[in-house]
Amino acid sequence: MKIRDLTKNKPLIVIFSILVLLLFVALILTPVHKRAPEKKRIPVVKGRIAIVIDDWGYSLNNLAIIKEIKVPLTCAILPNLKNSKAVARQLNKLGFEIILHLPMEPKEKINLEKNTITSGMNEEQIRNILNADLNAVIFAKGINNHMGSRITEDSQISSVIMSEAKKHKLYFLDSFVTAKSICRQIAGKINIKFAKRDIFLDNQNDLVYIKEQLKKVKNLAAMRGSAIAIGHDRKNTLTVLKEMLPQLESEGYKFVFVSELVK
């Protein structure tokens, strides 16, 4: 191209250069709109379930099974047994919640555990037993009754037990072994944190029966929002829990300690 032609087109070249420059500057200054991060989906909880395993302390035989259960469980330990303190330490170390499984007099004439609270005791005797039992069952966050159909119908003795439990900042779980239990009313008067058992898992020590009971717990939690079940330190019970609890979790049920359901 001749020099004369370049000179002739110089204004166009200048304008074009300016436009390119402005476009470049605009691109640099234009804010980059990042895509908003997707909100994490919060899983819908169908219901909360607390499972209590009663009667720990007789042996250490089932610790190997419960070690394989990776959901919160509440373990009720009998005091004054050979393995009470050892099993409390082991279960606490595994991350389970510990409560005192307090022996109370039933209506039935059966052999009683050492230092069972009975209807003939005075207030001092009851308080002394409860404090000794709490020393035996270390790490306790609450109390539930072992047997106790007679005592949980007795407002005077139940008041002494719950008032002492409140001093220790413990909750009370009514195992609900009699329909005439007055524990809820007493707990309301004393203003102690309280809950009541809904379903027993293993009145029959049978795998099929326990599975059916666990389904009832699931259905109750779905209907009402929460449920509390009690089973026992038995191989069949813990085997069913080991098998079924992960499945229930995958279905949307959340397992919690009893302390998360008391009111």
C-alpha atoms as a PDB file:
ATOM      1  CA  MET A   1       0.000   0.000   0.000  1.00  0.00           C
ATOM      2  CA  LYS A   2       1.298   3.418  -0.820  1.00  0.00           C
ATOM      3  CA  ILE A   3       2.163   5.872   1.944  1.00  0.00           C
ATOM      4  CA  ARG A   4      -0.442   8.242   0.567  1.00  0.00           C
ATOM      5  CA  ASP A   5      -3.192   5.621   1.104  1.00  0.00           C
ATOM      6  CA  LEU A   6      -2.140   5.031   4.701  1.00  0.00           C
ATOM      7  CA  THR A   7      -2.256   8.710   5.396  1.00  0.00           C
ATOM      8  CA  LYS A   8      -5.681   8.894   3.824  1.00  0.00           C
ATOM      9  CA  ASN A   9      -7.053   6.079   6.057  1.00  0.00           C
ATOM     10  CA  LYS A  10      -5.353   7.250   9.234  1.00  0.00           C
ATOM     11  CA  PRO A  11      -8.571   8.595  10.883  1.00  0.00           C
ATOM     12  CA  LEU A  12     -10.280   5.225  10.369  1.00  0.00           C
ATOM     13  CA  ILE A  13      -7.325   3.364  11.841  1.00  0.00           C
ATOM     14  CA  VAL A  14      -7.306   5.665  14.871  1.00  0.00           C
ATOM     15  CA  ILE A  15     -11.059   5.211  15.430  1.00  0.00           C
ATOM     16  CA  PHE A  16     -10.762   1.452  15.080  1.00  0.00           C
ATOM     17  CA  SER A  17      -7.855   1.377  17.539  1.00  0.00           C
ATOM     18  CA  ILE A  18      -9.817   3.439  20.045  1.00  0.00           C
ATOM     19  CA  LEU A  19     -12.817   1.113  19.766  1.00  0.00           C
ATOM     20  CA  VAL A  20     -10.631  -1.949  20.338  1.00  0.00           C
ATOM     21  CA  LEU A  21      -9.040  -0.272  23.350  1.00  0.00           C
ATOM     22  CA  LEU A  22     -12.432   0.683  24.816  1.00  0.00           C
ATOM     23  CA  LEU A  23     -13.697  -2.847  24.335  1.00  0.00           C
ATOM     24  CA  PHE A  24     -10.636  -4.259  26.062  1.00  0.00           C
ATOM     25  CA  VAL A  25     -11.040  -1.835  29.000  1.00  0.00           C
ATOM     26  CA  ALA A  26     -14.732  -2.690  29.253  1.00  0.00           C
ATOM     27  CA  LEU A  27     -13.969  -6.378  29.441  1.00  0.00           C
ATOM     28  CA  ILE A  28     -11.437  -5.808  32.192  1.00  0.00           C
ATOM     29  CA  LEU A  29     -13.746  -3.614  34.274  1.00  0.00           C
ATOM     30  CA  THR A  30     -16.878  -5.684  33.824  1.00  0.00           C
ATOM     31  CA  PRO A  31     -17.434  -7.669  37.055  1.00  0.00           C
ATOM     32  CA  VAL A  32     -17.383 -11.417  36.691  1.00  0.00           C
ATOM     33  CA  HIS A  33     -20.649 -12.869  37.918  1.00  0.00           C
ATOM     34  CA  LYS A  34     -19.825 -16.090  39.671  1.00  0.00           C
ATOM     35  CA  ARG A  35     -22.485 -18.747  39.744  1.00  0.00           C
ATOM     36  CA  ALA A  36     -24.056 -18.837  43.154  1.00  0.00           C
ATOM     37  CA  PRO A  37     -23.098 -21.997  45.010  1.00  0.00           C
ATOM     38  CA  GLU A  38     -25.879 -24.487  45.262  1.00  0.00           C
ATOM     39  CA  LYS A  39     -27.422 -24.691  48.699  1.00  0.00           C
ATOM     40  CA  LYS A  40     -26.813 -27.956  50.440  1.00  0.00           C
ATOM     41  CA  ARG A  41     -29.955 -29.978  50.754  1.00  0.00           C
ATOM     42  CA  ILE A  42     -30.814 -30.573  54.377  1.00  0.00           C
ATOM     43  CA  PRO A  43     -32.062 -34.127  54.757  1.00  0.00           C
ATOM     44  CA  VAL A  44     -35.654 -34.381  55.914  1.00  0.00           C
ATOM     45  CA  VAL A  45     -35.884 -36.108  59.291  1.00  0.00           C
ATOM     46  CA  LYS A  46     -38.918 -38.395  59.420  1.00  0.00           C
ATOM     47  CA  GLY A  47     -38.664 -38.741  63.173  1.00  0.00           C
ATOM     48  CA  ARG A  48     -36.266 -38.910  66.089  1.00  0.00           C
ATOM     49  CA  ILE A  49     -35.738 -42.191  67.923  1.00  0.00           C
ATOM     50  CA  ALA A  50     -34.038 -42.814  71.270  1.00  0.00           C
ATOM     51  CA  ILE A  51     -33.200 -46.420  72.111  1.00  0.00           C
ATOM     52  CA  VAL A  52     -32.330 -47.434  75.651  1.00  0.00           C
ATOM     53  CA  ILE A  53     -30.500 -50.671  76.430  1.00  0.00           C
ATOM     54  CA  ASP A  54     -31.304 -51.751  80.006  1.00  0.00           C
ATOM     55  CA  ASP A  55     -29.638 -54.177  82.428  1.00  0.00           C
ATOM     56  CA  TRP A  56     -25.947 -53.540  81.763  1.00  0.00           C
ATOM     57  CA  GLY A  57     -23.628 -54.677  84.539  1.00  0.00           C
ATOM     58  CA  TYR A  58     -24.189 -58.416  84.769  1.00  0.00           C
ATOM     59  CA  SER A  59     -21.439 -59.155  82.242  1.00  0.00           C
ATOM     60  CA  LEU A  60     -19.273 -57.665  79.507  1.00  0.00           C
ATOM     61  CA  ASN A  61     -20.292 -60.287  76.945  1.00  0.00           C
ATOM     62  CA  ASN A  62     -22.168 -58.044  74.535  1.00  0.00           C
ATOM     63  CA  LEU A  63     -19.698 -55.164  74.374  1.00  0.00           C
ATOM     64  CA  ALA A  64     -18.255 -56.646  71.182  1.00  0.00           C
ATOM     65  CA  ILE A  65     -21.642 -56.309  69.447  1.00  0.00           C
ATOM     66  CA  ILE A  66     -22.516 -52.831  70.681  1.00  0.00           C
ATOM     67  CA  LYS A  67     -19.093 -51.585  69.540  1.00  0.00           C
ATOM     68  CA  GLU A  68     -20.284 -52.179  65.985  1.00  0.00           C
ATOM     69  CA  ILE A  69     -23.389 -50.012  66.402  1.00  0.00           C
ATOM     70  CA  LYS A  70     -22.516 -46.551  65.149  1.00  0.00           C
ATOM     71  CA  VAL A  71     -25.597 -44.577  66.211  1.00  0.00           C
ATOM     72  CA  PRO A  72     -26.401 -42.908  69.552  1.00  0.00           C
ATOM     73  CA  LEU A  73     -27.751 -45.294  72.176  1.00  0.00           C
ATOM     74  CA  THR A  74     -28.570 -44.707  75.832  1.00  0.00           C
ATOM     75  CA  CYS A  75     -27.287 -47.441  78.150  1.00  0.00           C
ATOM     76  CA  ALA A  76     -28.940 -48.057  81.528  1.00  0.00           C
ATOM     77  CA  ILE A  77     -26.535 -49.642  84.006  1.00  0.00           C
ATOM     78  CA  LEU A  78     -27.509 -51.476  87.178  1.00  0.00           C
ATOM     79  CA  PRO A  79     -25.474 -50.425  90.252  1.00  0.00           C
ATOM     80  CA  ASN A  80     -23.651 -52.666  92.700  1.00  0.00           C
ATOM     81  CA  LEU A  81     -22.862 -55.410  90.202  1.00  0.00           C
ATOM     82  CA  LYS A  82     -19.433 -56.841  89.507  1.00  0.00           C
ATOM     83  CA  ASN A  83     -19.147 -55.098  86.148  1.00  0.00           C
ATOM     84  CA  SER A  84     -21.099 -51.875  86.797  1.00  0.00           C
ATOM     85  CA  LYS A  85     -18.134 -49.475  86.787  1.00  0.00           C
ATOM     86  CA  ALA A  86     -16.187 -51.305  84.086  1.00  0.00           C
ATOM     87  CA  VAL A  87     -19.092 -51.394  81.664  1.00  0.00           C
ATOM     88  CA  ALA A  88     -19.901 -47.746  82.379  1.00  0.00           C
ATOM     89  CA  ARG A  89     -16.346 -46.780  81.445  1.00  0.00           C
ATOM     90  CA  GLN A  90     -16.398 -48.897  78.284  1.00  0.00           C
ATOM     91  CA  LEU A  91     -19.775 -47.639  77.068  1.00  0.00           C
ATOM     92  CA  ASN A  92     -18.911 -44.027  77.842  1.00  0.00           C
ATOM     93  CA  LYS A  93     -15.649 -44.414  75.933  1.00  0.00           C
ATOM     94  CA  LEU A  94     -17.632 -45.704  72.944  1.00  0.00           C
ATOM     95  CA  GLY A  95     -19.697 -42.515  72.990  1.00  0.00           C
ATOM     96  CA  PHE A  96     -22.963 -43.872  74.367  1.00  0.00           C
ATOM     97  CA  GLU A  97     -25.058 -42.015  76.929  1.00  0.00           C
ATOM     98  CA  ILE A  98     -25.040 -43.543  80.415  1.00  0.00           C
ATOM     99  CA  ILE A  99     -27.958 -43.572  82.852  1.00  0.00           C
ATOM    100  CA  LEU A 100     -28.516 -45.248  86.225  1.00  0.00           C
ATOM    101  CA  HIS A 101     -30.917 -48.199  86.023  1.00  0.00           C
ATOM    102  CA  LEU A 102     -32.309 -47.723  89.524  1.00  0.00           C
ATOM    103  CA  PRO A 103     -33.735 -50.895  91.139  1.00  0.00           C
ATOM    104  CA  MET A 104     -37.239 -50.276  92.525  1.00  0.00           C
ATOM    105  CA  GLU A 105     -39.739 -52.550  94.172  1.00  0.00           C
ATOM    106  CA  PRO A 106     -42.271 -54.228  91.871  1.00  0.00           C
ATOM    107  CA  LYS A 107     -45.694 -55.542  92.842  1.00  0.00           C
ATOM    108  CA  GLU A 108     -44.616 -59.062  91.934  1.00  0.00           C
ATOM    109  CA  LYS A 109     -42.920 -61.212  94.552  1.00  0.00           C
ATOM    110  CA  ILE A 110     -39.513 -61.818  92.975  1.00  0.00           C
ATOM    111  CA  ASN A 111     -35.880 -61.683  94.019  1.00  0.00           C
ATOM    112  CA  LEU A 112     -34.702 -58.095  94.291  1.00  0.00           C
ATOM    113  CA  GLU A 113     -31.378 -56.493  93.413  1.00  0.00           C
ATOM    114  CA  LYS A 114     -29.152 -55.315  96.248  1.00  0.00           C
ATOM    115  CA  ASN A 115     -30.347 -51.975  97.693  1.00  0.00           C
ATOM    116  CA  THR A 116     -33.606 -51.973  95.771  1.00  0.00           C
ATOM    117  CA  ILE A 117     -35.748 -49.013  96.818  1.00  0.00           C
ATOM    118  CA  THR A 118     -38.819 -50.385  98.588  1.00  0.00           C
ATOM    119  CA  SER A 119     -42.049 -48.918  99.893  1.00  0.00           C
ATOM    120  CA  GLY A 120     -41.006 -49.421 103.534  1.00  0.00           C
ATOM    121  CA  MET A 121     -38.005 -47.075 103.325  1.00  0.00           C
ATOM    122  CA  ASN A 122     -37.826 -43.565 104.729  1.00  0.00           C
ATOM    123  CA  GLU A 123     -36.562 -40.510 102.887  1.00  0.00           C
ATOM    124  CA  GLU A 124     -33.018 -40.707 104.262  1.00  0.00           C
ATOM    125  CA  GLN A 125     -32.638 -44.344 103.242  1.00  0.00           C
ATOM    126  CA  ILE A 126     -33.843 -43.591  99.721  1.00  0.00           C
ATOM    127  CA  ARG A 127     -31.476 -40.657  99.288  1.00  0.00           C
ATOM    128  CA  ASN A 128     -28.522 -42.646 100.639  1.00  0.00           C
ATOM    129  CA  ILE A 129     -29.182 -45.521  98.228  1.00  0.00           C
ATOM    130  CA  LEU A 130     -29.572 -43.202  95.264  1.00  0.00           C
ATOM    131  CA  ASN A 131     -26.325 -41.372  96.018  1.00  0.00           C
ATOM    132  CA  ALA A 132     -24.421 -44.628  96.510  1.00  0.00           C
ATOM    133  CA  ASP A 133     -25.810 -45.942  93.234  1.00  0.00           C
ATOM    134  CA  LEU A 134     -24.718 -42.808  91.379  1.00  0.00           C
ATOM    135  CA  ASN A 135     -21.204 -43.344  92.717  1.00  0.00           C
ATOM    136  CA  ALA A 136     -21.328 -46.883  91.352  1.00  0.00           C
ATOM    137  CA  VAL A 137     -22.641 -45.858  87.919  1.00  0.00           C
ATOM    138  CA  ILE A 138     -20.228 -43.175  86.821  1.00  0.00           C
ATOM    139  CA  PHE A 139     -20.972 -40.782  83.917  1.00  0.00           C
ATOM    140  CA  ALA A 140     -24.762 -41.017  84.518  1.00  0.00           C
ATOM    141  CA  LYS A 141     -26.798 -38.315  82.770  1.00  0.00           C
ATOM    142  CA  GLY A 142     -30.157 -39.579  83.982  1.00  0.00           C
ATOM    143  CA  ILE A 143     -32.107 -42.285  85.800  1.00  0.00           C
ATOM    144  CA  ASN A 144     -34.674 -44.856  84.764  1.00  0.00           C
ATOM    145  CA  ASN A 145     -36.454 -47.440  86.874  1.00  0.00           C
ATOM    146  CA  HIS A 146     -35.532 -51.119  86.958  1.00  0.00           C
ATOM    147  CA  MET A 147     -38.857 -52.870  87.616  1.00  0.00           C
ATOM    148  CA  GLY A 148     -40.640 -50.535  90.070  1.00  0.00           C
ATOM    149  CA  SER A 149     -44.353 -51.035  89.375  1.00  0.00           C
ATOM    150  CA  ARG A 150     -45.064 -50.445  93.082  1.00  0.00           C
ATOM    151  CA  ILE A 151     -42.737 -47.474  93.526  1.00  0.00           C
ATOM    152  CA  THR A 152     -43.734 -45.571  90.374  1.00  0.00           C
ATOM    153  CA  GLU A 153     -47.338 -45.595  91.665  1.00  0.00           C
ATOM    154  CA  ASP A 154     -46.197 -44.144  95.001  1.00  0.00           C
ATOM    155  CA  SER A 155     -46.174 -40.341  94.852  1.00  0.00           C
ATOM    156  CA  GLN A 156     -44.223 -39.838  98.100  1.00  0.00           C
ATOM    157  CA  ILE A 157     -41.306 -42.116  97.219  1.00  0.00           C
ATOM    158  CA  SER A 158     -41.247 -40.992  93.566  1.00  0.00           C
ATOM    159  CA  SER A 159     -41.038 -37.388  94.776  1.00  0.00           C
ATOM    160  CA  VAL A 160     -38.006 -38.171  96.928  1.00  0.00           C
ATOM    161  CA  ILE A 161     -36.247 -39.961  94.051  1.00  0.00           C
ATOM    162  CA  MET A 162     -36.889 -37.199  91.550  1.00  0.00           C
ATOM    163  CA  SER A 163     -36.017 -34.350  93.901  1.00  0.00           C
ATOM    164  CA  GLU A 164     -32.673 -36.037  94.626  1.00  0.00           C
ATOM    165  CA  ALA A 165     -32.108 -36.659  90.916  1.00  0.00           C
ATOM    166  CA  LYS A 166     -32.773 -32.992  90.211  1.00  0.00           C
ATOM    167  CA  LYS A 167     -30.077 -32.003  92.729  1.00  0.00           C
ATOM    168  CA  HIS A 168     -27.621 -33.979  90.601  1.00  0.00           C
ATOM    169  CA  LYS A 169     -28.974 -32.301  87.418  1.00  0.00           C
ATOM    170  CA  LEU A 170     -30.187 -35.617  86.057  1.00  0.00           C
ATOM    171  CA  TYR A 171     -33.269 -36.395  83.998  1.00  0.00           C
ATOM    172  CA  PHE A 172     -35.798 -39.105  84.804  1.00  0.00           C
ATOM    173  CA  LEU A 173     -36.998 -41.654  82.250  1.00  0.00           C
ATOM    174  CA  ASP A 174     -40.103 -43.569  83.268  1.00  0.00           C
ATOM    175  CA  SER A 175     -39.691 -47.122  82.000  1.00  0.00           C
ATOM    176  CA  PHE A 176     -43.494 -47.199  82.328  1.00  0.00           C
ATOM    177  CA  VAL A 177     -43.985 -50.669  83.745  1.00  0.00           C
ATOM    178  CA  THR A 178     -47.445 -49.849  85.080  1.00  0.00           C
ATOM    179  CA  ALA A 179     -50.295 -47.911  83.500  1.00  0.00           C
ATOM    180  CA  LYS A 180     -50.914 -46.318  86.918  1.00  0.00           C
ATOM    181  CA  SER A 181     -47.490 -44.640  87.020  1.00  0.00           C
ATOM    182  CA  ILE A 182     -47.631 -41.135  88.490  1.00  0.00           C
ATOM    183  CA  CYS A 183     -44.078 -40.224  87.421  1.00  0.00           C
ATOM    184  CA  ARG A 184     -45.097 -37.664  84.808  1.00  0.00           C
ATOM    185  CA  GLN A 185     -47.216 -35.742  87.313  1.00  0.00           C
ATOM    186  CA  ILE A 186     -44.476 -35.786  89.955  1.00  0.00           C
ATOM    187  CA  ALA A 187     -41.864 -34.671  87.405  1.00  0.00           C
ATOM    188  CA  GLY A 188     -44.087 -31.735  86.467  1.00  0.00           C
ATOM    189  CA  LYS A 189     -44.421 -30.638  90.101  1.00  0.00           C
ATOM    190  CA  ILE A 190     -40.694 -30.982  90.798  1.00  0.00           C
ATOM    191  CA  ASN A 191     -39.766 -29.488  87.420  1.00  0.00           C
ATOM    192  CA  ILE A 192     -37.264 -32.173  86.490  1.00  0.00           C
ATOM    193  CA  LYS A 193     -36.524 -33.096  82.877  1.00  0.00           C
ATOM    194  CA  PHE A 194     -38.652 -36.107  82.033  1.00  0.00           C
ATOM    195  CA  ALA A 195     -39.539 -38.630  79.345  1.00  0.00           C
ATOM    196  CA  LYS A 196     -41.572 -41.845  79.151  1.00  0.00           C
ATOM    197  CA  ARG A 197     -40.887 -45.121  77.411  1.00  0.00           C
ATOM    198  CA  ASP A 198     -43.147 -45.830  74.439  1.00  0.00           C
ATOM    199  CA  ILE A 199     -42.308 -49.373  73.312  1.00  0.00           C
ATOM    200  CA  PHE A 200     -40.447 -52.361  74.709  1.00  0.00           C
ATOM    201  CA  LEU A 201     -38.392 -54.039  71.976  1.00  0.00           C
ATOM    202  CA  ASP A 202     -37.748 -57.458  73.418  1.00  0.00           C
ATOM    203  CA  ASN A 203     -40.481 -58.738  75.696  1.00  0.00           C
ATOM    204  CA  GLN A 204     -39.875 -61.825  73.600  1.00  0.00           C
ATOM    205  CA  ASN A 205     -36.229 -62.697  73.073  1.00  0.00           C
ATOM    206  CA  ASP A 206     -36.866 -63.521  69.426  1.00  0.00           C
ATOM    207  CA  LEU A 207     -35.243 -61.926  66.365  1.00  0.00           C
ATOM    208  CA  VAL A 208     -38.448 -61.673  64.318  1.00  0.00           C
ATOM    209  CA  TYR A 209     -40.410 -60.216  67.252  1.00  0.00           C
ATOM    210  CA  ILE A 210     -37.709 -57.605  67.941  1.00  0.00           C
ATOM    211  CA  LYS A 211     -37.657 -56.552  64.283  1.00  0.00           C
ATOM    212  CA  GLU A 212     -41.439 -56.097  64.301  1.00  0.00           C
ATOM    213  CA  GLN A 213     -41.231 -54.027  67.486  1.00  0.00           C
ATOM    214  CA  LEU A 214     -38.571 -51.821  65.916  1.00  0.00           C
ATOM    215  CA  LYS A 215     -40.887 -51.212  62.953  1.00  0.00           C
ATOM    216  CA  LYS A 216     -43.546 -50.059  65.428  1.00  0.00           C
ATOM    217  CA  VAL A 217     -41.012 -47.627  66.894  1.00  0.00           C
ATOM    218  CA  LYS A 218     -40.278 -46.299  63.417  1.00  0.00           C
ATOM    219  CA  ASN A 219     -43.950 -45.821  62.623  1.00  0.00           C
ATOM    220  CA  LEU A 220     -44.610 -44.055  65.929  1.00  0.00           C
ATOM    221  CA  ALA A 221     -41.685 -41.678  65.363  1.00  0.00           C
ATOM    222  CA  ALA A 222     -42.966 -40.895  61.866  1.00  0.00           C
ATOM    223  CA  MET A 223     -46.456 -40.196  63.189  1.00  0.00           C
ATOM    224  CA  ARG A 224     -45.576 -38.273  66.353  1.00  0.00           C
ATOM    225  CA  GLY A 225     -42.119 -36.873  65.583  1.00  0.00           C
ATOM    226  CA  SER A 226     -40.237 -38.916  68.184  1.00  0.00           C
ATOM    227  CA  ALA A 227     -40.298 -42.227  70.049  1.00  0.00           C
ATOM    228  CA  ILE A 228     -38.457 -43.883  72.914  1.00  0.00           C
ATOM    229  CA  ALA A 229     -37.873 -47.636  72.970  1.00  0.00           C
ATOM    230  CA  ILE A 230     -36.309 -49.873  75.606  1.00  0.00           C
ATOM    231  CA  GLY A 231     -34.470 -53.101  74.932  1.00  0.00           C
ATOM    232  CA  HIS A 232     -32.072 -55.154  77.025  1.00  0.00           C
ATOM    233  CA  ASP A 233     -28.447 -56.228  77.113  1.00  0.00           C
ATOM    234  CA  ARG A 234     -29.067 -59.361  75.056  1.00  0.00           C
ATOM    235  CA  LYS A 235     -27.379 -60.764  71.980  1.00  0.00           C
ATOM    236  CA  ASN A 236     -30.563 -60.941  69.896  1.00  0.00           C
ATOM    237  CA  THR A 237     -31.589 -57.369  70.696  1.00  0.00           C
ATOM    238  CA  LEU A 238     -28.197 -55.877  69.857  1.00  0.00           C
ATOM    239  CA  THR A 239     -27.879 -58.015  66.718  1.00  0.00           C
ATOM    240  CA  VAL A 240     -31.173 -56.654  65.383  1.00  0.00           C
ATOM    241  CA  LEU A 241     -30.137 -53.082  66.173  1.00  0.00           C
ATOM    242  CA  LYS A 242     -26.805 -53.566  64.449  1.00  0.00           C
ATOM    243  CA  GLU A 243     -28.612 -54.829  61.362  1.00  0.00           C
ATOM    244  CA  MET A 244     -31.597 -52.473  61.180  1.00  0.00           C
ATOM    245  CA  LEU A 245     -30.494 -49.092  62.506  1.00  0.00           C
ATOM    246  CA  PRO A 246     -28.351 -48.161  59.466  1.00  0.00           C
ATOM    247  CA  GLN A 247     -31.331 -48.949  57.239  1.00  0.00           C
ATOM    248  CA  LEU A 248     -33.640 -46.761  59.311  1.00  0.00           C
ATOM    249  CA  GLU A 249     -31.089 -43.955  59.164  1.00  0.00           C
ATOM    250  CA  SER A 250     -31.035 -44.214  55.374  1.00  0.00           C
ATOM    251  CA  GLU A 251     -34.831 -43.907  55.418  1.00  0.00           C
ATOM    252  CA  GLY A 252     -34.560 -40.552  57.213  1.00  0.00           C
ATOM    253  CA  TYR A 253     -34.880 -41.457  60.904  1.00  0.00           C
ATOM    254  CA  LYS A 254     -32.494 -39.775  63.326  1.00  0.00           C
ATOM    255  CA  PHE A 255     -31.208 -41.630  66.379  1.00  0.00           C
ATOM    256  CA  VAL A 256     -30.644 -39.498  69.472  1.00  0.00           C
ATOM    257  CA  PHE A 257     -29.882 -39.846  73.162  1.00  0.00           C
ATOM    258  CA  VAL A 258     -32.775 -39.740  75.625  1.00  0.00           C
ATOM    259  CA  SER A 259     -31.346 -36.455  76.915  1.00  0.00           C
ATOM    260  CA  GLU A 260     -32.319 -34.917  73.565  1.00  0.00           C
ATOM    261  CA  LEU A 261     -35.980 -35.864  74.003  1.00  0.00           C
ATOM    262  CA  VAL A 262     -36.609 -35.065  77.674  1.00  0.00           C
ATOM    263  CA  LYS A 263     -38.756 -32.051  78.450  1.00  0.00           C
END
